[in-house]
Amino acid sequence: MELRHLRYFLMVAEELHFGRAAHRLHMAQQPLSRQIRNLEEELGVELFHRTKRTMWLTETGKVFLQETRKTLAQADQAVMMAQRVGQGVAGQFNIGFTGPILNSVLPKVVREFKQRFPAIHLDLKRLQTNEQVKALLAEEIHVGFLHPPINEPLLSQEVIYREPMMALLPDIHPLAKKSPVPISIACLADESFILFPRQVGPVLYDSIISFCQQANFSPRVIQEAFPQQTILGLVAAGLGVSLIHASIQQIQQQGVVARPLIERSPILESAVVWRSDISHPAIPNILNLVNELF
């Protein structure tokens, strides 16, 4: 039994006349009558009482009509949902993001995406860059918002946001008490530094060390901490200073002050990354949105 047999039965049950039902189905009356007889034989029951002038549903036919309507409605719903998922406007979409991106591009992207595609369920996962690369390759996430460079031929990437590093000081620090003007990195030569572990972002970490060395000092790193909220807390406690991305200012943390730097500081790049060999229907939609916003 196929769905078309159920549609034939539904039309005949609604019309209770083979001629009118056949006209609505755009088919001849005799093949329709034969299809209904074959359906009854397959089910082993009579669905219609027939006389030369009239026909009506049997009790079995009435029950079968109710279930047929449910089945066809569910089938139509399945077709519609499949089409919507294929158009990238429904279904589930998994996104990876890092802590800095949570402070910069992610809120705007997610808010706008949900407004445009409310039928898509977003599953957001906070992952470091190297964890996102693994998750993308394993198809656990569909796009990642992370920090390049990455070297993986299966992944495509597009840089969407760049932000400088700033000096993060405890609010009791003399430089924090002055007016909010840029300071020189050389002013921090004698300070204790709190930085993220190198394995979290080796390229940026090395850029920070090189940046300090260009000012004729090597930073005295007394503590490595992760995630960024931990760095904020340790600086607020007066344990040291840090260099951190500018969007950290989006986080309200008592006891810390961020100051821009006079020198051209290292840049934290943020990129959207996806597998080039796998086409999730919603990927073009989010890429278009990201390009539009940034």
Protein backbone atom coordinates (compact mmCIF):
# COMPACT_ATOMS: atom_id res chain seq x y z
CA MET A 1 0.00 0.00 0.00
CA GLU A 2 1.30 3.41 -1.01
CA LEU A 3 0.32 6.94 -0.04
CA ARG A 4 -1.42 7.37 -3.37
CA HIS A 5 -3.83 4.55 -2.45
CA LEU A 6 -4.73 6.44 0.72
CA ARG A 7 -5.32 9.59 -1.31
CA TYR A 8 -7.59 7.65 -3.70
CA PHE A 9 -9.56 6.28 -0.75
CA LEU A 10 -9.84 9.72 0.88
CA MET A 11 -11.21 11.29 -2.29
CA VAL A 12 -13.80 8.54 -2.80
CA ALA A 13 -14.77 8.69 0.88
CA GLU A 14 -15.33 12.43 0.65
CA GLU A 15 -17.34 12.28 -2.59
CA LEU A 16 -19.03 8.89 -2.12
CA HIS A 17 -19.12 8.81 -5.90
CA PHE A 18 -16.46 7.28 -8.17
CA GLY A 19 -17.15 9.64 -11.04
CA ARG A 20 -16.73 12.84 -9.02
CA ALA A 21 -13.72 11.44 -7.16
CA ALA A 22 -12.05 10.43 -10.43
CA HIS A 23 -12.65 13.92 -11.85
CA ARG A 24 -10.95 15.53 -8.84
CA LEU A 25 -8.05 13.10 -9.16
CA HIS A 26 -7.73 13.72 -12.93
CA MET A 27 -8.03 10.03 -13.72
CA ALA A 28 -10.57 7.66 -15.27
CA GLN A 29 -13.33 6.17 -13.14
CA GLN A 30 -12.63 2.51 -13.90
CA PRO A 31 -8.92 2.54 -12.77
CA LEU A 32 -9.98 4.38 -9.59
CA SER A 33 -12.65 1.79 -8.82
CA ARG A 34 -10.09 -0.98 -9.39
CA GLN A 35 -7.57 0.71 -7.05
CA ILE A 36 -10.17 0.90 -4.25
CA ARG A 37 -11.09 -2.77 -4.76
CA ASN A 38 -7.41 -3.73 -4.63
CA LEU A 39 -7.02 -1.73 -1.41
CA GLU A 40 -9.94 -3.55 0.18
CA GLU A 41 -8.48 -6.88 -0.87
CA GLU A 42 -5.08 -5.97 0.56
CA LEU A 43 -6.66 -4.91 3.87
CA GLY A 44 -9.03 -7.88 3.92
CA VAL A 45 -12.04 -5.65 4.76
CA GLU A 46 -14.82 -3.79 2.99
CA LEU A 47 -14.50 -0.02 3.16
CA PHE A 48 -17.68 0.85 1.22
CA HIS A 49 -21.21 -0.48 0.87
CA ARG A 50 -22.20 -0.25 -2.78
CA THR A 51 -25.49 -0.36 -4.66
CA LYS A 52 -26.19 0.54 -8.27
CA ARG A 53 -27.20 4.06 -7.25
CA THR A 54 -25.31 4.92 -4.10
CA MET A 55 -22.40 4.04 -1.83
CA TRP A 56 -21.51 4.75 1.80
CA LEU A 57 -18.73 3.95 4.22
CA THR A 58 -18.80 0.82 6.32
CA GLU A 59 -17.98 1.14 10.03
CA THR A 60 -14.54 -0.15 9.17
CA GLY A 61 -14.30 2.46 6.42
CA LYS A 62 -15.19 5.26 8.85
CA VAL A 63 -12.37 4.30 11.18
CA PHE A 64 -9.96 3.87 8.27
CA LEU A 65 -10.94 7.35 7.02
CA GLN A 66 -9.99 8.93 10.35
CA GLU A 67 -6.60 7.21 10.37
CA THR A 68 -6.04 8.00 6.68
CA ARG A 69 -6.51 11.70 7.32
CA LYS A 70 -3.97 11.55 10.17
CA THR A 71 -1.46 9.62 8.05
CA LEU A 72 -1.74 11.96 5.07
CA ALA A 73 -1.50 15.04 7.28
CA GLN A 74 1.65 13.62 8.88
CA ALA A 75 3.10 12.81 5.47
CA ASP A 76 2.39 16.33 4.25
CA GLN A 77 4.03 17.72 7.39
CA ALA A 78 7.09 15.54 6.79
CA VAL A 79 7.36 16.79 3.20
CA MET A 80 7.03 20.42 4.27
CA MET A 81 9.61 20.01 7.04
CA ALA A 82 12.06 18.29 4.69
CA GLN A 83 11.68 21.14 2.20
CA ARG A 84 12.21 23.77 4.92
CA VAL A 85 15.31 22.01 6.22
CA GLY A 86 16.60 21.73 2.66
CA GLN A 87 16.11 25.48 2.25
CA GLY A 88 18.11 26.12 5.42
CA VAL A 89 15.20 27.69 7.32
CA ALA A 90 14.40 24.86 9.76
CA GLY A 91 16.14 22.03 11.63
CA GLN A 92 19.10 22.07 14.00
CA PHE A 93 22.33 23.99 13.57
CA ASN A 94 25.37 23.60 15.83
CA ILE A 95 27.75 26.52 16.39
CA GLY A 96 31.08 26.63 18.19
CA PHE A 97 32.49 29.81 19.71
CA THR A 98 35.35 31.02 21.89
CA GLY A 99 35.24 33.30 24.92
CA PRO A 100 36.45 36.44 23.12
CA ILE A 101 33.91 35.91 20.33
CA LEU A 102 31.17 35.71 22.95
CA ASN A 103 32.11 39.30 23.82
CA SER A 104 32.29 40.56 20.24
CA VAL A 105 30.49 39.10 17.23
CA LEU A 106 28.42 36.19 18.56
CA PRO A 107 25.54 38.02 20.30
CA LYS A 108 24.75 40.09 17.21
CA VAL A 109 24.96 37.05 14.89
CA VAL A 110 22.76 34.83 17.05
CA ARG A 111 20.17 37.54 17.71
CA GLU A 112 19.79 38.40 14.02
CA PHE A 113 19.87 34.73 12.93
CA LYS A 114 17.04 33.82 15.32
CA GLN A 115 14.96 36.72 14.04
CA ARG A 116 15.37 35.65 10.43
CA PHE A 117 15.18 31.88 10.92
CA PRO A 118 13.04 31.23 14.02
CA ALA A 119 12.39 27.60 13.04
CA ILE A 120 16.10 26.69 13.30
CA HIS A 121 17.20 25.41 16.69
CA LEU A 122 20.68 26.69 17.53
CA ASP A 123 22.94 24.59 19.73
CA LEU A 124 25.86 26.74 20.93
CA LYS A 125 29.04 25.16 22.28
CA ARG A 126 31.89 27.09 23.91
CA LEU A 127 35.12 25.53 22.63
CA GLN A 128 38.72 26.60 22.21
CA THR A 129 39.98 27.04 18.66
CA ASN A 130 41.73 23.64 18.52
CA GLU A 131 38.61 21.97 19.98
CA GLN A 132 36.46 23.60 17.31
CA VAL A 133 38.70 22.32 14.55
CA LYS A 134 38.27 18.78 15.88
CA ALA A 135 34.51 19.27 16.27
CA LEU A 136 34.18 20.56 12.70
CA LEU A 137 36.10 17.62 11.31
CA ALA A 138 33.96 15.22 13.37
CA GLU A 139 30.76 17.01 12.15
CA GLU A 140 29.82 17.79 15.75
CA ILE A 141 29.40 21.48 14.87
CA HIS A 142 28.43 23.01 11.52
CA VAL A 143 30.29 26.31 11.79
CA GLY A 144 32.86 27.61 14.24
CA PHE A 145 33.71 31.11 15.37
CA LEU A 146 37.39 30.89 16.30
CA HIS A 147 40.78 32.52 16.00
CA PRO A 148 43.08 31.82 13.06
CA PRO A 149 45.46 30.70 11.83
CA ILE A 150 44.30 27.13 11.31
CA ASN A 151 45.88 24.70 8.90
CA GLU A 152 43.32 22.15 7.81
CA PRO A 153 42.60 21.63 4.09
CA LEU A 154 39.02 20.47 4.71
CA LEU A 155 38.06 23.72 6.40
CA SER A 156 37.19 27.04 4.80
CA GLN A 157 37.52 30.24 6.79
CA GLU A 158 36.74 33.93 6.53
CA VAL A 159 38.12 36.54 8.92
CA ILE A 160 35.24 38.73 10.09
CA TYR A 161 36.57 40.75 13.03
CA ARG A 162 39.86 42.19 14.24
CA GLU A 163 40.52 43.80 17.60
CA PRO A 164 43.68 45.15 19.27
CA MET A 165 45.07 44.12 22.61
CA MET A 166 44.70 46.43 25.61
CA ALA A 167 46.43 46.71 28.96
CA LEU A 168 44.34 45.32 31.80
CA LEU A 169 45.15 46.86 35.17
CA PRO A 170 43.82 46.60 38.71
CA ASP A 171 41.88 49.76 39.53
CA ILE A 172 44.34 50.56 42.33
CA HIS A 173 47.23 50.76 39.84
CA PRO A 174 48.66 54.30 39.37
CA LEU A 175 48.13 54.12 35.60
CA ALA A 176 44.48 53.15 36.15
CA LYS A 177 43.82 56.23 38.24
CA LYS A 178 44.91 58.64 35.54
CA SER A 179 42.60 59.89 32.82
CA PRO A 180 41.69 57.17 30.27
CA VAL A 181 44.41 57.96 27.73
CA PRO A 182 46.57 55.41 25.88
CA ILE A 183 49.64 54.18 27.72
CA SER A 184 52.91 52.76 26.45
CA ILE A 185 53.65 49.08 26.83
CA ALA A 186 57.04 50.16 28.20
CA CYS A 187 55.25 51.44 31.31
CA LEU A 188 54.51 47.82 32.22
CA ALA A 189 58.09 46.59 32.00
CA ASP A 190 58.40 46.05 35.78
CA GLU A 191 54.94 44.55 36.27
CA SER A 192 53.91 40.96 36.97
CA PHE A 193 51.88 39.54 34.07
CA ILE A 194 48.92 37.19 34.00
CA LEU A 195 48.49 35.59 30.57
CA PHE A 196 46.53 32.73 29.05
CA PRO A 197 48.46 29.45 28.55
CA ARG A 198 50.41 29.34 25.30
CA GLN A 199 48.66 26.17 24.11
CA VAL A 200 45.34 28.04 24.07
CA GLY A 201 46.59 30.43 21.37
CA PRO A 202 50.28 29.97 20.53
CA VAL A 203 50.38 32.54 17.70
CA LEU A 204 48.80 35.32 19.76
CA TYR A 205 50.83 34.38 22.84
CA ASP A 206 54.10 34.61 20.89
CA SER A 207 52.97 37.93 19.40
CA ILE A 208 52.42 39.34 22.89
CA ILE A 209 55.87 38.22 24.04
CA SER A 210 57.46 39.70 20.91
CA PHE A 211 55.47 42.92 21.38
CA CYS A 212 56.93 43.35 24.87
CA GLN A 213 60.43 42.47 23.70
CA GLN A 214 60.24 45.23 21.10
CA ALA A 215 59.85 47.58 24.08
CA ASN A 216 63.10 46.15 25.50
CA PHE A 217 61.65 43.86 28.16
CA SER A 218 60.40 40.30 28.52
CA PRO A 219 57.16 40.06 30.47
CA ARG A 220 57.49 38.39 33.86
CA VAL A 221 54.61 35.91 33.68
CA ILE A 222 53.76 34.87 37.24
CA GLN A 223 50.44 33.19 36.48
CA GLU A 224 48.77 31.54 33.52
CA ALA A 225 44.99 31.52 33.64
CA PHE A 226 42.02 30.54 31.51
CA PRO A 227 39.25 31.42 30.68
CA GLN A 228 39.19 35.19 30.38
CA GLN A 229 36.94 35.65 33.42
CA THR A 230 39.69 34.08 35.55
CA ILE A 231 42.24 36.56 34.20
CA LEU A 232 39.87 39.40 35.06
CA GLY A 233 39.44 38.11 38.58
CA LEU A 234 43.18 37.71 39.20
CA VAL A 235 43.92 41.21 37.88
CA ALA A 236 41.10 42.63 40.04
CA ALA A 237 42.75 40.92 43.02
CA GLY A 238 45.91 42.92 42.34
CA LEU A 239 48.09 39.93 41.44
CA GLY A 240 49.33 41.52 38.22
CA VAL A 241 48.46 43.08 34.88
CA SER A 242 47.56 41.51 31.56
CA LEU A 243 47.26 42.16 27.84
CA ILE A 244 43.83 41.17 26.61
CA HIS A 245 41.52 41.72 23.63
CA ALA A 246 39.60 45.00 23.48
CA SER A 247 36.13 43.43 23.59
CA ILE A 248 36.82 42.36 27.16
CA GLN A 249 35.35 45.76 28.02
CA GLN A 250 31.93 44.25 27.33
CA ILE A 251 32.28 42.28 30.57
CA GLN A 252 31.41 44.24 33.70
CA GLN A 253 34.13 43.37 36.23
CA GLN A 254 34.73 45.46 39.33
CA GLY A 255 38.33 46.17 40.25
CA VAL A 256 39.82 46.28 36.74
CA VAL A 257 40.52 49.03 34.21
CA ALA A 258 41.36 48.57 30.51
CA ARG A 259 43.68 51.06 28.83
CA PRO A 260 44.48 51.31 25.10
CA LEU A 261 48.12 51.16 24.07
CA ILE A 262 50.09 53.81 22.21
CA GLU A 263 52.02 51.28 20.17
CA ARG A 264 50.46 49.15 17.47
CA SER A 265 49.56 46.09 19.51
CA PRO A 266 49.04 42.48 18.41
CA ILE A 267 45.67 41.89 16.75
CA LEU A 268 43.24 39.15 17.71
CA GLU A 269 41.48 37.91 14.58
CA SER A 270 38.12 36.17 14.66
CA ALA A 271 36.91 34.03 11.78
CA VAL A 272 33.92 31.96 10.79
CA VAL A 273 34.99 28.44 9.73
CA TRP A 274 33.10 25.60 8.07
CA ARG A 275 33.77 22.31 6.29
CA SER A 276 34.05 22.94 2.58
CA ASP A 277 33.18 19.34 1.68
CA ILE A 278 29.90 19.18 3.63
CA SER A 279 26.93 21.32 2.66
CA HIS A 280 24.55 21.95 5.54
CA PRO A 281 21.60 23.89 4.10
CA ALA A 282 21.85 26.63 6.75
CA ILE A 283 25.56 27.38 6.21
CA PRO A 284 25.00 29.78 3.27
CA ASN A 285 22.39 31.63 5.33
CA ILE A 286 24.69 32.23 8.28
CA LEU A 287 27.63 33.15 6.02
CA ASN A 288 25.50 35.71 4.21
CA LEU A 289 24.37 37.10 7.54
CA VAL A 290 27.92 37.34 8.89
CA ASN A 291 29.10 39.13 5.74
CA GLU A 292 26.20 41.52 6.02
CA LEU A 293 26.88 42.34 9.69
CA PHE A 294 30.69 42.52 9.56
